[in-house]
Protein backbone atom coordinates (compact mmCIF):
# COMPACT_ATOMS: atom_id res chain seq x y z
CA MET A 1 -24.36 0.97 -13.67
CA TRP A 2 -21.62 -1.62 -13.22
CA TRP A 3 -20.70 -2.73 -9.70
CA PHE A 4 -17.27 -1.07 -9.85
CA GLN A 5 -18.89 2.23 -10.89
CA GLN A 6 -20.91 2.50 -7.70
CA GLY A 7 -19.53 5.02 -5.21
CA LEU A 8 -15.76 4.81 -4.86
CA SER A 9 -15.49 1.04 -5.24
CA LEU A 10 -13.22 1.57 -8.24
CA LEU A 11 -10.49 2.76 -5.85
CA PRO A 12 -9.79 -0.54 -4.04
CA VAL A 13 -10.31 -2.42 -7.31
CA ALA A 14 -7.67 -0.27 -9.00
CA LEU A 15 -5.30 -0.75 -6.05
CA VAL A 16 -5.59 -4.54 -6.15
CA VAL A 17 -5.46 -4.93 -9.93
CA TRP A 18 -2.59 -2.48 -10.42
CA SER A 19 -0.49 -3.91 -7.58
CA ALA A 20 -1.03 -7.49 -8.76
CA ALA A 21 -0.08 -6.42 -12.28
CA SER A 22 3.12 -4.81 -11.01
CA PHE A 23 4.18 -8.11 -9.41
CA VAL A 24 3.15 -10.28 -12.37
CA LEU A 25 4.59 -8.09 -15.14
CA SER A 26 7.92 -7.71 -13.33
CA TYR A 27 8.03 -11.46 -12.79
CA ILE A 28 7.29 -12.19 -16.46
CA THR A 29 9.94 -9.71 -17.64
CA ALA A 30 12.59 -11.04 -15.26
CA THR A 31 11.95 -14.68 -16.13
CA VAL A 32 11.82 -14.10 -19.89
CA LEU A 33 15.20 -12.33 -19.70
CA HIS A 34 16.55 -15.13 -17.43
CA HIS A 35 17.37 -12.70 -14.63
CA VAL A 36 15.63 -14.91 -12.04
CA ASP A 37 14.50 -18.52 -11.77
CA PRO A 38 10.93 -19.11 -12.93
CA LEU A 39 10.06 -21.16 -9.81
CA VAL A 40 8.85 -18.65 -7.19
CA PRO A 41 11.65 -16.06 -6.86
CA TYR A 42 11.49 -13.29 -4.28
CA ILE A 43 9.22 -10.48 -5.40
CA SER A 44 12.09 -8.06 -4.82
CA ASP A 45 14.38 -10.16 -7.04
CA THR A 46 12.02 -9.58 -9.97
CA GLY A 47 12.63 -5.82 -9.61
CA THR A 48 16.40 -5.80 -9.21
CA ILE A 49 17.89 -5.69 -12.74
CA PRO A 50 16.84 -3.30 -15.55
CA PRO A 51 14.47 -3.17 -17.38
CA GLU A 52 12.13 -4.87 -14.89
CA ARG A 53 13.54 -2.68 -12.12
CA CYS A 54 12.18 0.41 -13.85
CA LEU A 55 8.79 -1.21 -14.39
CA PHE A 56 8.66 -2.48 -10.81
CA GLY A 57 9.54 0.91 -9.36
CA ILE A 58 7.13 3.08 -11.28
CA MET A 59 4.19 0.69 -10.88
CA LEU A 60 4.69 0.33 -7.12
CA ASN A 61 4.90 4.11 -6.78
CA VAL A 62 1.45 4.32 -8.36
CA SER A 63 0.29 1.57 -5.97
CA THR A 64 1.54 3.70 -3.08
CA PHE A 65 -0.64 6.60 -4.21
CA LEU A 66 -3.68 4.33 -4.63
CA GLY A 67 -3.07 2.84 -1.18
CA VAL A 68 -2.90 6.27 0.46
CA ALA A 69 -6.13 7.32 -1.25
CA THR A 70 -7.95 4.08 -0.34
CA MET A 71 -6.97 4.28 3.32
CA TYR A 72 -8.00 7.94 3.51
CA VAL A 73 -11.44 7.18 2.07
CA ARG A 74 -11.86 4.37 4.60
CA TYR A 75 -10.86 6.77 7.39
CA LYS A 76 -13.38 9.41 6.29
CA GLN A 77 -16.09 6.78 5.92
CA VAL A 78 -15.71 5.59 9.51
CA CYS A 79 -15.65 9.22 10.73
CA ALA A 80 -18.91 9.92 8.92
CA LEU A 81 -20.65 6.76 10.12
CA ILE A 82 -19.75 7.07 13.82
CA PRO A 83 -18.85 10.71 14.58
CA GLU A 84 -19.45 10.54 18.34
CA ASN A 85 -17.74 7.32 19.46
CA SER A 86 -14.37 8.41 20.82
CA ARG A 87 -12.94 4.89 21.04
CA ILE A 88 -13.70 4.10 17.41
CA LEU A 89 -12.49 7.50 16.23
CA ARG A 90 -9.21 6.99 18.10
CA LEU A 91 -8.72 3.58 16.54
CA ASN A 92 -9.61 5.06 13.18
CA ARG A 93 -6.88 7.71 13.45
CA ILE A 94 -4.36 5.09 14.55
CA GLY A 95 -5.34 2.95 11.58
CA LEU A 96 -4.83 5.80 9.12
CA THR A 97 -1.39 6.56 10.54
CA LEU A 98 -0.34 2.91 10.39
CA GLY A 99 -1.71 2.57 6.87
CA TRP A 100 0.20 5.55 5.56
CA MET A 101 3.38 4.27 7.23
CA SER A 102 2.86 0.99 5.39
CA CYS A 103 2.43 2.88 2.10
CA PHE A 104 5.67 4.76 2.77
CA GLY A 105 7.38 1.41 3.24
CA LEU A 106 6.05 0.28 -0.14
CA CYS A 107 7.54 3.41 -1.70
CA ILE A 108 10.91 2.49 -0.13
CA ILE A 109 10.69 -1.03 -1.56
CA ALA A 110 9.95 0.41 -5.00
CA ASN A 111 12.93 2.78 -5.05
CA PHE A 112 15.64 1.01 -3.00
CA GLN A 113 16.44 -2.36 -4.52
CA LYS A 114 17.39 -5.38 -2.42
CA CYS A 115 20.77 -6.02 -4.06
CA ILE A 116 21.85 -2.36 -3.89
CA LEU A 117 20.70 -0.99 -0.52
CA TYR A 118 19.70 -4.11 1.37
CA TYR A 119 19.09 -2.68 4.85
CA ILE A 120 16.97 0.20 3.58
CA HIS A 121 15.02 -2.29 1.48
CA VAL A 122 14.47 -4.47 4.56
CA LEU A 123 13.29 -1.39 6.47
CA GLY A 124 10.73 -0.76 3.74
CA ALA A 125 9.60 -4.39 3.89
CA CYS A 126 9.16 -4.19 7.67
CA LEU A 127 7.07 -1.04 7.31
CA THR A 128 5.00 -2.47 4.48
CA PHE A 129 4.28 -5.91 5.87
CA GLY A 130 4.84 -5.48 9.61
CA VAL A 131 3.06 -2.16 10.10
CA GLY A 132 0.61 -3.12 7.35
CA ALA A 133 -0.40 -6.21 9.32
CA ILE A 134 -1.12 -4.03 12.35
CA TYR A 135 -3.23 -1.78 10.09
CA MET A 136 -5.22 -4.84 9.05
CA LEU A 137 -5.64 -5.78 12.71
CA VAL A 138 -6.99 -2.31 13.56
CA GLN A 139 -9.43 -2.40 10.64
CA THR A 140 -10.59 -5.87 11.68
CA ILE A 141 -11.22 -4.62 15.22
CA LEU A 142 -13.15 -1.66 13.81
CA SER A 143 -15.25 -4.04 11.74
CA PHE A 144 -16.00 -6.03 14.88
CA LEU A 145 -17.00 -2.93 16.85
CA MET A 146 -19.16 -1.61 14.02
CA GLN A 147 -21.25 -4.76 13.61
CA PRO A 148 -24.12 -5.37 13.19
CA GLN A 149 -25.35 -1.80 12.64
CA PHE A 150 -22.71 -0.73 10.11
CA HIS A 151 -20.94 -3.99 9.21
CA SER A 152 -22.25 -7.48 8.67
CA LYS A 153 -20.68 -10.45 10.37
CA GLY A 154 -19.62 -11.72 6.96
CA ILE A 155 -17.33 -8.72 6.36
CA PHE A 156 -15.79 -9.10 9.81
CA ARG A 157 -15.18 -12.82 9.30
CA ALA A 158 -13.66 -12.24 5.87
CA ARG A 159 -11.23 -9.64 7.23
CA LEU A 160 -10.39 -11.85 10.19
CA ALA A 161 -9.65 -14.78 7.86
CA VAL A 162 -7.37 -12.64 5.70
CA LEU A 163 -5.65 -11.30 8.82
CA LEU A 164 -4.95 -14.86 10.02
CA TRP A 165 -3.69 -15.75 6.53
CA SER A 166 -1.26 -12.83 6.51
CA SER A 167 -0.12 -13.60 10.07
CA CYS A 168 0.76 -17.18 9.13
CA SER A 169 2.62 -15.93 6.06
CA ILE A 170 4.57 -13.41 8.12
CA GLY A 171 5.52 -16.06 10.67
CA SER A 172 6.75 -18.60 8.12
CA MET A 173 8.59 -15.94 6.13
CA PHE A 174 10.31 -14.57 9.23
CA VAL A 175 11.46 -17.96 10.52
CA SER A 176 12.68 -19.21 7.13
CA SER A 177 14.46 -15.93 6.32
CA VAL A 178 16.25 -15.82 9.68
CA LEU A 179 17.34 -19.42 9.16
CA LEU A 180 18.43 -18.77 5.57
CA TYR A 181 20.47 -15.64 6.30
CA SER A 182 21.95 -16.90 9.58
CA GLY A 183 25.27 -17.61 7.84
CA ARG A 184 25.11 -21.39 7.90
CA TYR A 185 24.37 -21.53 4.16
CA GLY A 186 27.17 -19.27 3.03
CA PRO A 187 27.75 -15.54 2.55
CA ASP A 188 26.36 -13.14 -0.06
CA LEU A 189 22.96 -14.80 -0.30
CA VAL A 190 21.44 -11.34 -0.70
CA GLN A 191 23.04 -11.04 -4.15
CA LYS A 192 22.02 -14.57 -5.19
CA LEU A 193 19.30 -14.63 -7.87
CA HIS A 194 19.58 -18.23 -9.13
CA TRP A 195 19.13 -21.36 -7.05
CA GLU A 196 19.54 -25.06 -7.79
CA PRO A 197 17.48 -27.68 -5.92
CA GLN A 198 20.61 -29.50 -4.74
CA GLU A 199 22.12 -26.40 -3.11
CA ARG A 200 22.25 -25.99 0.64
CA GLY A 201 19.57 -23.62 1.85
CA TYR A 202 17.23 -24.31 -1.08
CA THR A 203 14.37 -25.50 1.15
CA PRO A 204 14.28 -22.47 3.50
CA HIS A 205 14.72 -20.26 0.43
CA MET A 206 11.62 -21.75 -1.19
CA ILE A 207 9.61 -21.50 2.04
CA SER A 208 10.63 -17.84 2.36
CA THR A 209 9.75 -16.93 -1.24
CA ILE A 210 6.40 -18.75 -1.20
CA SER A 211 5.55 -17.04 2.09
CA GLU A 212 6.40 -13.64 0.60
CA TRP A 213 4.09 -14.15 -2.38
CA SER A 214 1.38 -15.46 -0.06
CA LEU A 215 1.80 -12.43 2.19
CA ALA A 216 1.59 -9.97 -0.71
CA PHE A 217 -1.63 -11.45 -2.04
CA SER A 218 -3.14 -11.65 1.44
CA PHE A 219 -2.72 -7.88 1.66
CA LEU A 220 -4.38 -7.41 -1.72
CA SER A 221 -7.22 -9.70 -0.64
CA PHE A 222 -7.82 -7.54 2.42
CA PHE A 223 -8.44 -4.48 0.26
CA LEU A 224 -10.93 -6.47 -1.80
CA THR A 225 -13.16 -6.49 1.28
CA TYR A 226 -13.45 -2.70 0.96
CA ILE A 227 -15.33 -2.90 -2.34
CA ARG A 228 -18.83 -3.32 -0.91
CA ASP A 229 -18.21 -0.61 1.70
CA PHE A 230 -16.94 1.83 -0.90
CA GLN A 231 -20.00 1.33 -3.09
CA LYS A 232 -21.94 3.42 -0.57
CA VAL A 233 -19.54 6.35 -0.17
CA SER A 234 -18.53 9.35 -2.25
CA LEU A 235 -16.23 12.29 -1.62
CA GLY A 236 -16.49 15.86 -2.83
CA ALA A 237 -14.45 19.03 -2.57
CA VAL A 238 -15.92 22.19 -1.01
CA VAL A 239 -14.42 25.47 -2.28
CA THR A 240 -14.47 28.37 0.21
CA LEU A 241 -13.61 31.77 -1.22
CA GLN A 242 -11.85 34.28 1.03
CA GLY A 243 -12.86 37.18 -1.20
CA GLN A 244 -14.53 38.13 -4.48
CA SER A 245 -11.26 38.49 -6.37
CA LEU A 246 -8.08 36.48 -6.83
CA HIS A 247 -6.00 39.67 -6.98
CA PRO A 248 -4.23 40.86 -3.82
CA VAL A 249 -5.88 43.78 -2.04
CA SER A 250 -3.65 46.66 -1.07
CA PRO A 251 -3.37 47.73 2.58
CA LEU A 252 -5.12 51.02 1.75
CA GLY A 253 -8.19 49.17 0.58
CA CYS A 254 -7.80 49.99 -3.12
CA GLY A 255 -9.54 47.57 -5.44
CA ALA A 256 -7.90 45.66 -8.27
CA GLU A 257 -9.12 48.18 -10.89
CA GLU A 258 -7.79 51.17 -8.88
CA GLN A 259 -4.40 49.45 -8.51
CA GLY A 260 -4.29 48.90 -12.26
CA LEU A 261 -4.97 52.62 -12.89
CA LEU A 262 -2.27 53.68 -10.43
CA PHE A 263 0.29 51.39 -12.00
CA ALA A 264 -0.61 52.59 -15.48
CA GLY A 265 -0.40 56.23 -14.40
CA SER A 266 2.99 55.77 -12.81
CA VAL A 267 4.35 54.47 -16.10
């Protein structure tokens, strides 16, 4: 059995590979069609103009579904491992809520483009990256509380390192973006897809775009740390029947066959 076939480890692998492919394929399409500059554009700029906008949207919608499923499996895993620790269970529920809010933000990014509905797009980015960073923080704290019985120190350190990476990316992206869109470099920068090195604002623009790519891949790297955990978990559905028949039972207690005879007789 291959390593990605063990348990549900295929789920975080699919999330990371599919999401990375959505960024890369949209970037390749946009640069080949000369819709954006090849040197580190905003991720959102690579999904602004058709046809890459269609590709970007549908692939990120699938990533949203995979993210929701991955976070739910992680939630159920923690519940099963430590069913009696109220503090951990509370943090676990908070983490699931934050994670699903982050996934909803990703869905907003996929369907509301930056150059069309800028403020809604920014709201989606804040949910995805801002709330998503808090989700990573909660999961890192859970990993710390669950060691050494359920988690090794290596897993905790890896998640802490990725959390620090994403925090630095968020900080540099926030500062450079505020500086860029402060108005000192001209209006309508939101609609600007092509930059020249000699233009004013080029340096904060490059810092902002590099930070965004770094932030996106830090998030994907965090989900890679789930692979080993998911190799030891599986989920199943339990079907509970409320009766021996799928036909409705009449108030008088007549069975399905008796109802059929009555209907046939009435005709």
